[in-house]
């Protein structure tokens, strides 16, 4: 019984872990919310387009995501004191390059795996920087 209770508590902590991510409070009123909305839509279709072997649509998604990572990298570089956001953007761009390389080789499984890493980059930045009342 005690083991079951401990396992239940551990499972609850793992599920709740993202809630406890360190949030950073910044004035992000000047951030391009329309771009973020477009990127949010692209990330939702990115891996399904790859899994469906729709390379052209995946490349379109990647172009939109690249635009977002470049904008975010520049935005947070200018904002200052947010080196992790800049690094996340750089990693996202590297992962996009990996996706495109796999798409060029028609390795859709590899591209889908790399696309999941792109999604993780988006989530990791959102866990820290996305305002609570953001519309994207």
N, C-alpha and C. Protein backbone atom coordinates (compact mmCIF):
# COMPACT_ATOMS: atom_id res chain seq x y z
N UNK A 1 0.82 -1.18 0.00
CA UNK A 1 0.00 0.00 0.00
C UNK A 1 0.87 1.26 0.00
N UNK A 2 1.92 1.24 0.80
CA UNK A 2 2.81 2.39 0.88
C UNK A 2 3.52 2.63 -0.46
N UNK A 3 3.93 1.55 -1.13
CA UNK A 3 4.57 1.68 -2.44
C UNK A 3 3.61 2.29 -3.45
N UNK A 4 2.37 1.87 -3.41
CA UNK A 4 1.36 2.40 -4.32
C UNK A 4 1.17 3.89 -4.09
N UNK A 5 1.14 4.30 -2.83
CA UNK A 5 1.00 5.71 -2.49
C UNK A 5 2.22 6.50 -3.00
N UNK A 6 3.40 5.97 -2.79
CA UNK A 6 4.62 6.64 -3.25
C UNK A 6 4.64 6.76 -4.77
N UNK A 7 4.26 5.69 -5.47
CA UNK A 7 4.22 5.73 -6.93
C UNK A 7 3.19 6.74 -7.41
N UNK A 8 2.06 6.82 -6.75
CA UNK A 8 1.03 7.78 -7.12
C UNK A 8 1.53 9.20 -6.94
N UNK A 9 2.23 9.45 -5.83
CA UNK A 9 2.77 10.78 -5.58
C UNK A 9 3.83 11.14 -6.61
N UNK A 10 4.68 10.19 -6.96
CA UNK A 10 5.72 10.42 -7.96
C UNK A 10 5.08 10.73 -9.32
N UNK A 11 4.07 9.96 -9.69
CA UNK A 11 3.39 10.20 -10.96
C UNK A 11 2.75 11.58 -10.98
N UNK A 12 2.15 12.00 -9.89
CA UNK A 12 1.53 13.32 -9.81
C UNK A 12 2.57 14.42 -9.96
N UNK A 13 3.75 14.23 -9.35
CA UNK A 13 4.80 15.24 -9.46
C UNK A 13 5.32 15.33 -10.89
N UNK A 14 5.45 14.21 -11.57
CA UNK A 14 5.93 14.22 -12.95
C UNK A 14 4.94 14.93 -13.85
N UNK A 15 3.65 14.64 -13.67
CA UNK A 15 2.62 15.28 -14.48
C UNK A 15 2.56 16.77 -14.20
N UNK A 16 2.75 17.16 -12.95
CA UNK A 16 2.65 18.57 -12.57
C UNK A 16 3.93 19.34 -12.79
N UNK A 17 5.03 18.70 -13.15
CA UNK A 17 6.32 19.37 -13.28
C UNK A 17 6.28 20.61 -14.17
N UNK A 18 5.63 20.56 -15.35
CA UNK A 18 5.61 21.77 -16.18
C UNK A 18 4.96 22.96 -15.49
N UNK A 19 4.03 22.71 -14.59
CA UNK A 19 3.35 23.79 -13.89
C UNK A 19 4.34 24.54 -13.01
N UNK A 20 5.36 23.84 -12.53
CA UNK A 20 6.32 24.43 -11.62
C UNK A 20 7.53 25.03 -12.33
N UNK A 21 7.49 25.09 -13.67
CA UNK A 21 8.60 25.68 -14.41
C UNK A 21 8.76 27.14 -14.00
N UNK A 22 9.99 27.58 -13.94
CA UNK A 22 10.29 28.95 -13.54
C UNK A 22 9.78 29.91 -14.61
N UNK A 23 8.82 30.74 -14.26
CA UNK A 23 8.28 31.73 -15.18
C UNK A 23 9.07 33.02 -15.04
N UNK A 24 9.29 33.68 -16.16
CA UNK A 24 9.98 34.96 -16.16
C UNK A 24 8.95 36.02 -16.51
N UNK A 25 8.93 37.07 -15.74
CA UNK A 25 8.00 38.16 -16.00
C UNK A 25 8.74 39.25 -16.76
N UNK A 26 8.32 39.45 -17.99
CA UNK A 26 8.89 40.48 -18.86
C UNK A 26 7.75 41.25 -19.51
N UNK A 27 8.03 42.45 -19.89
CA UNK A 27 7.06 43.21 -20.67
C UNK A 27 7.21 42.75 -22.12
N UNK A 28 6.24 41.99 -22.59
CA UNK A 28 6.29 41.46 -23.95
C UNK A 28 5.23 42.09 -24.85
N UNK A 29 4.75 43.27 -24.48
CA UNK A 29 3.70 43.93 -25.27
C UNK A 29 4.12 44.20 -26.70
N UNK A 30 5.43 44.35 -26.92
CA UNK A 30 5.91 44.65 -28.26
C UNK A 30 6.24 43.39 -29.07
N UNK A 31 5.98 42.21 -28.51
CA UNK A 31 6.23 40.97 -29.23
C UNK A 31 5.15 40.81 -30.30
N UNK A 32 5.50 40.26 -31.43
CA UNK A 32 4.58 40.08 -32.55
C UNK A 32 3.65 38.89 -32.30
N UNK A 33 2.51 39.16 -31.69
CA UNK A 33 1.55 38.10 -31.37
C UNK A 33 0.98 37.44 -32.63
N UNK A 34 0.82 38.21 -33.70
CA UNK A 34 0.30 37.63 -34.94
C UNK A 34 1.26 36.58 -35.49
N UNK A 35 2.55 36.89 -35.44
CA UNK A 35 3.56 35.92 -35.87
C UNK A 35 3.49 34.67 -34.99
N UNK A 36 3.38 34.87 -33.69
CA UNK A 36 3.33 33.72 -32.79
C UNK A 36 2.10 32.87 -33.06
N UNK A 37 1.00 33.50 -33.40
CA UNK A 37 -0.21 32.76 -33.75
C UNK A 37 0.02 31.92 -35.01
N UNK A 38 0.68 32.50 -36.00
CA UNK A 38 1.01 31.77 -37.23
C UNK A 38 1.93 30.58 -36.94
N UNK A 39 2.89 30.81 -36.06
CA UNK A 39 3.84 29.75 -35.71
C UNK A 39 3.14 28.64 -34.94
N UNK A 40 2.24 29.02 -34.06
CA UNK A 40 1.47 28.03 -33.30
C UNK A 40 0.70 27.12 -34.25
N UNK A 41 0.11 27.72 -35.28
CA UNK A 41 -0.63 26.94 -36.27
C UNK A 41 0.34 26.02 -37.05
N UNK A 42 1.51 26.54 -37.41
CA UNK A 42 2.47 25.75 -38.18
C UNK A 42 2.99 24.56 -37.38
N UNK A 43 3.25 24.76 -36.09
CA UNK A 43 3.81 23.66 -35.29
C UNK A 43 2.78 22.54 -35.13
N UNK A 44 1.50 22.89 -35.14
CA UNK A 44 0.45 21.87 -35.00
C UNK A 44 0.40 20.96 -36.23
N UNK A 45 0.75 21.49 -37.39
CA UNK A 45 0.68 20.71 -38.63
C UNK A 45 2.02 20.10 -39.02
N UNK A 46 3.09 20.57 -38.40
CA UNK A 46 4.45 20.20 -38.83
C UNK A 46 4.68 18.70 -38.81
N UNK A 47 4.59 18.09 -37.65
CA UNK A 47 4.84 16.65 -37.58
C UNK A 47 3.79 15.83 -38.34
N UNK A 48 2.49 16.17 -38.26
CA UNK A 48 1.53 15.42 -39.09
C UNK A 48 1.82 15.52 -40.59
N UNK A 49 2.26 16.68 -41.05
CA UNK A 49 2.61 16.79 -42.47
C UNK A 49 3.78 15.88 -42.81
N UNK A 50 4.76 15.80 -41.91
CA UNK A 50 5.91 14.92 -42.14
C UNK A 50 5.47 13.46 -42.10
N UNK A 51 4.71 13.11 -41.08
CA UNK A 51 4.25 11.71 -40.95
C UNK A 51 3.40 11.29 -42.15
N UNK A 52 2.67 12.26 -42.71
CA UNK A 52 1.88 11.97 -43.91
C UNK A 52 2.70 12.05 -45.19
N UNK A 53 4.00 12.22 -45.04
CA UNK A 53 4.95 12.31 -46.14
C UNK A 53 4.61 13.43 -47.12
N UNK A 54 4.08 14.51 -46.58
CA UNK A 54 3.79 15.70 -47.37
C UNK A 54 4.95 16.67 -47.19
N UNK A 55 6.02 16.41 -47.91
CA UNK A 55 7.26 17.18 -47.75
C UNK A 55 7.08 18.65 -48.09
N UNK A 56 6.28 18.95 -49.11
CA UNK A 56 6.08 20.36 -49.48
C UNK A 56 5.41 21.14 -48.36
N UNK A 57 4.37 20.57 -47.76
CA UNK A 57 3.68 21.24 -46.66
C UNK A 57 4.61 21.35 -45.45
N UNK A 58 5.40 20.31 -45.20
CA UNK A 58 6.34 20.35 -44.08
C UNK A 58 7.39 21.44 -44.28
N UNK A 59 7.83 21.61 -45.52
CA UNK A 59 8.80 22.69 -45.80
C UNK A 59 8.16 24.07 -45.60
N UNK A 60 6.89 24.19 -45.97
CA UNK A 60 6.18 25.45 -45.72
C UNK A 60 6.08 25.71 -44.22
N UNK A 61 5.74 24.67 -43.45
CA UNK A 61 5.68 24.79 -41.99
C UNK A 61 7.05 25.20 -41.44
N UNK A 62 8.08 24.55 -41.95
CA UNK A 62 9.44 24.85 -41.48
C UNK A 62 9.82 26.30 -41.78
N UNK A 63 9.42 26.81 -42.92
CA UNK A 63 9.72 28.21 -43.26
C UNK A 63 9.04 29.15 -42.27
N UNK A 64 7.81 28.85 -41.91
CA UNK A 64 7.09 29.68 -40.93
C UNK A 64 7.75 29.59 -39.56
N UNK A 65 8.14 28.39 -39.18
CA UNK A 65 8.81 28.19 -37.89
C UNK A 65 10.17 28.89 -37.88
N UNK A 66 10.88 28.82 -38.98
CA UNK A 66 12.18 29.50 -39.08
C UNK A 66 11.99 31.01 -38.88
N UNK A 67 10.99 31.55 -39.52
CA UNK A 67 10.69 32.98 -39.37
C UNK A 67 10.47 33.31 -37.88
N UNK A 68 9.78 32.43 -37.19
CA UNK A 68 9.51 32.65 -35.78
C UNK A 68 10.75 32.54 -34.91
N UNK A 69 11.57 31.52 -35.16
CA UNK A 69 12.80 31.36 -34.37
C UNK A 69 13.77 32.52 -34.61
N UNK A 70 13.88 32.96 -35.85
CA UNK A 70 14.76 34.09 -36.16
C UNK A 70 14.25 35.35 -35.46
N UNK A 71 12.94 35.60 -35.57
CA UNK A 71 12.35 36.77 -34.91
C UNK A 71 12.58 36.69 -33.39
N UNK A 72 12.32 35.52 -32.81
CA UNK A 72 12.45 35.35 -31.37
C UNK A 72 13.90 35.53 -30.92
N UNK A 73 14.82 34.98 -31.68
CA UNK A 73 16.24 35.14 -31.35
C UNK A 73 16.62 36.62 -31.36
N UNK A 74 16.23 37.34 -32.40
CA UNK A 74 16.53 38.77 -32.49
C UNK A 74 15.83 39.55 -31.38
N UNK A 75 14.56 39.23 -31.14
CA UNK A 75 13.77 39.93 -30.14
C UNK A 75 14.41 39.80 -28.75
N UNK A 76 14.72 38.56 -28.37
CA UNK A 76 15.26 38.36 -27.03
C UNK A 76 16.73 38.81 -26.91
N UNK A 77 17.45 38.81 -28.02
CA UNK A 77 18.81 39.37 -27.99
C UNK A 77 18.73 40.86 -27.67
N UNK A 78 17.82 41.57 -28.34
CA UNK A 78 17.65 43.01 -28.09
C UNK A 78 17.08 43.27 -26.70
N UNK A 79 16.20 42.39 -26.24
CA UNK A 79 15.58 42.54 -24.93
C UNK A 79 16.63 42.46 -23.82
N UNK A 80 17.61 41.60 -24.03
CA UNK A 80 18.69 41.45 -23.06
C UNK A 80 18.28 40.61 -21.86
N UNK A 81 19.26 40.09 -21.18
CA UNK A 81 19.09 39.32 -19.95
C UNK A 81 18.16 38.10 -20.14
N UNK A 82 18.14 37.54 -21.34
CA UNK A 82 17.33 36.36 -21.62
C UNK A 82 18.13 35.36 -22.47
N UNK A 83 19.34 35.02 -22.01
CA UNK A 83 20.20 34.16 -22.85
C UNK A 83 19.58 32.80 -23.13
N UNK A 84 18.75 32.28 -22.22
CA UNK A 84 18.15 30.98 -22.48
C UNK A 84 17.15 31.05 -23.63
N UNK A 85 16.42 32.15 -23.77
CA UNK A 85 15.48 32.30 -24.88
C UNK A 85 16.24 32.38 -26.21
N UNK A 86 17.36 33.06 -26.20
CA UNK A 86 18.19 33.16 -27.41
C UNK A 86 18.72 31.78 -27.77
N UNK A 87 19.19 31.04 -26.77
CA UNK A 87 19.72 29.70 -27.01
C UNK A 87 18.64 28.75 -27.50
N UNK A 88 17.45 28.84 -26.93
CA UNK A 88 16.34 27.99 -27.38
C UNK A 88 16.05 28.26 -28.85
N UNK A 89 16.07 29.53 -29.24
CA UNK A 89 15.83 29.89 -30.64
C UNK A 89 16.90 29.30 -31.55
N UNK A 90 18.14 29.40 -31.12
CA UNK A 90 19.23 28.82 -31.91
C UNK A 90 19.07 27.32 -32.06
N UNK A 91 18.71 26.65 -30.97
CA UNK A 91 18.51 25.20 -31.02
C UNK A 91 17.34 24.86 -31.93
N UNK A 92 16.29 25.66 -31.87
CA UNK A 92 15.14 25.43 -32.76
C UNK A 92 15.54 25.52 -34.22
N UNK A 93 16.37 26.50 -34.54
CA UNK A 93 16.86 26.64 -35.92
C UNK A 93 17.71 25.45 -36.34
N UNK A 94 18.54 24.96 -35.43
CA UNK A 94 19.36 23.78 -35.73
C UNK A 94 18.47 22.56 -35.96
N UNK A 95 17.43 22.42 -35.16
CA UNK A 95 16.52 21.28 -35.32
C UNK A 95 15.75 21.39 -36.64
N UNK A 96 15.38 22.61 -37.02
CA UNK A 96 14.72 22.79 -38.32
C UNK A 96 15.64 22.36 -39.45
N UNK A 97 16.92 22.71 -39.35
CA UNK A 97 17.89 22.27 -40.36
C UNK A 97 17.95 20.75 -40.42
N UNK A 98 17.89 20.11 -39.25
CA UNK A 98 17.92 18.64 -39.20
C UNK A 98 16.67 18.06 -39.87
N UNK A 99 15.53 18.68 -39.64
CA UNK A 99 14.29 18.22 -40.29
C UNK A 99 14.43 18.32 -41.80
N UNK A 100 14.89 19.46 -42.28
CA UNK A 100 15.01 19.66 -43.73
C UNK A 100 16.01 18.70 -44.36
N UNK A 101 17.08 18.42 -43.65
CA UNK A 101 18.07 17.46 -44.14
C UNK A 101 17.43 16.08 -44.29
N UNK A 102 16.66 15.69 -43.30
CA UNK A 102 15.98 14.39 -43.36
C UNK A 102 14.92 14.38 -44.45
N UNK A 103 14.21 15.48 -44.64
CA UNK A 103 13.22 15.56 -45.71
C UNK A 103 13.89 15.43 -47.07
N UNK A 104 15.04 16.10 -47.23
CA UNK A 104 15.77 16.01 -48.50
C UNK A 104 16.19 14.57 -48.80
N UNK A 105 16.48 13.81 -47.75
CA UNK A 105 16.86 12.40 -47.90
C UNK A 105 15.63 11.49 -47.95
N UNK A 106 14.45 12.08 -47.88
CA UNK A 106 13.18 11.35 -47.84
C UNK A 106 13.13 10.36 -46.67
N UNK A 107 13.77 10.74 -45.59
CA UNK A 107 13.73 9.96 -44.34
C UNK A 107 12.67 10.60 -43.45
N UNK A 108 11.44 10.20 -43.65
CA UNK A 108 10.33 10.83 -42.94
C UNK A 108 10.32 10.47 -41.45
N UNK A 109 10.80 9.29 -41.10
CA UNK A 109 10.88 8.94 -39.68
C UNK A 109 11.89 9.83 -38.97
N UNK A 110 13.04 10.03 -39.58
CA UNK A 110 14.06 10.91 -39.00
C UNK A 110 13.59 12.35 -38.94
N UNK A 111 12.87 12.77 -39.97
CA UNK A 111 12.35 14.14 -39.99
C UNK A 111 11.31 14.33 -38.89
N UNK A 112 10.46 13.32 -38.68
CA UNK A 112 9.44 13.41 -37.62
C UNK A 112 10.09 13.47 -36.25
N UNK A 113 11.15 12.70 -36.06
CA UNK A 113 11.87 12.73 -34.78
C UNK A 113 12.48 14.12 -34.54
N UNK A 114 13.09 14.68 -35.56
CA UNK A 114 13.66 16.02 -35.43
C UNK A 114 12.55 17.07 -35.22
N UNK A 115 11.41 16.87 -35.84
CA UNK A 115 10.28 17.80 -35.67
C UNK A 115 9.79 17.80 -34.22
N UNK A 116 9.84 16.65 -33.56
CA UNK A 116 9.45 16.60 -32.15
C UNK A 116 10.40 17.45 -31.30
N UNK A 117 11.66 17.51 -31.69
CA UNK A 117 12.62 18.35 -30.97
C UNK A 117 12.31 19.84 -31.20
N UNK A 118 11.83 20.18 -32.38
CA UNK A 118 11.42 21.55 -32.66
C UNK A 118 10.26 21.92 -31.73
N UNK A 119 9.30 21.02 -31.60
CA UNK A 119 8.16 21.25 -30.71
C UNK A 119 8.62 21.43 -29.27
N UNK A 120 9.60 20.63 -28.85
CA UNK A 120 10.13 20.77 -27.48
C UNK A 120 10.76 22.14 -27.28
N UNK A 121 11.44 22.63 -28.30
CA UNK A 121 12.05 23.97 -28.19
C UNK A 121 10.97 25.02 -27.99
N UNK A 122 9.90 24.91 -28.76
CA UNK A 122 8.79 25.87 -28.60
C UNK A 122 8.23 25.80 -27.18
N UNK A 123 7.95 24.58 -26.72
CA UNK A 123 7.38 24.41 -25.38
C UNK A 123 8.31 24.93 -24.30
N UNK A 124 9.60 24.67 -24.43
CA UNK A 124 10.52 25.08 -23.37
C UNK A 124 10.57 26.61 -23.26
N UNK A 125 10.46 27.31 -24.38
CA UNK A 125 10.43 28.77 -24.32
C UNK A 125 9.10 29.23 -23.73
N UNK A 126 8.01 28.61 -24.15
CA UNK A 126 6.69 28.98 -23.63
C UNK A 126 6.59 28.73 -22.13
N UNK A 127 7.19 27.66 -21.66
CA UNK A 127 7.14 27.35 -20.23
C UNK A 127 7.72 28.49 -19.40
N UNK A 128 8.69 29.19 -19.96
CA UNK A 128 9.35 30.27 -19.23
C UNK A 128 8.82 31.65 -19.58
N UNK A 129 8.53 31.90 -20.85
CA UNK A 129 8.27 33.26 -21.30
C UNK A 129 6.85 33.57 -21.74
N UNK A 130 6.04 32.58 -22.04
CA UNK A 130 4.70 32.88 -22.56
C UNK A 130 3.86 33.56 -21.46
N UNK A 131 3.35 34.75 -21.75
CA UNK A 131 2.51 35.42 -20.76
C UNK A 131 1.25 34.61 -20.47
N UNK A 132 0.79 34.68 -19.24
CA UNK A 132 -0.39 33.92 -18.83
C UNK A 132 -1.61 34.23 -19.69
N UNK A 133 -1.72 35.45 -20.14
CA UNK A 133 -2.91 35.86 -20.90
C UNK A 133 -2.62 36.02 -22.39
N UNK A 134 -1.62 35.32 -22.87
CA UNK A 134 -1.28 35.40 -24.29
C UNK A 134 -2.42 34.82 -25.11
N UNK A 135 -2.63 35.37 -26.28
CA UNK A 135 -3.71 34.87 -27.12
C UNK A 135 -3.26 33.80 -28.10
N UNK A 136 -1.99 33.41 -28.06
CA UNK A 136 -1.50 32.35 -28.95
C UNK A 136 -1.29 31.10 -28.17
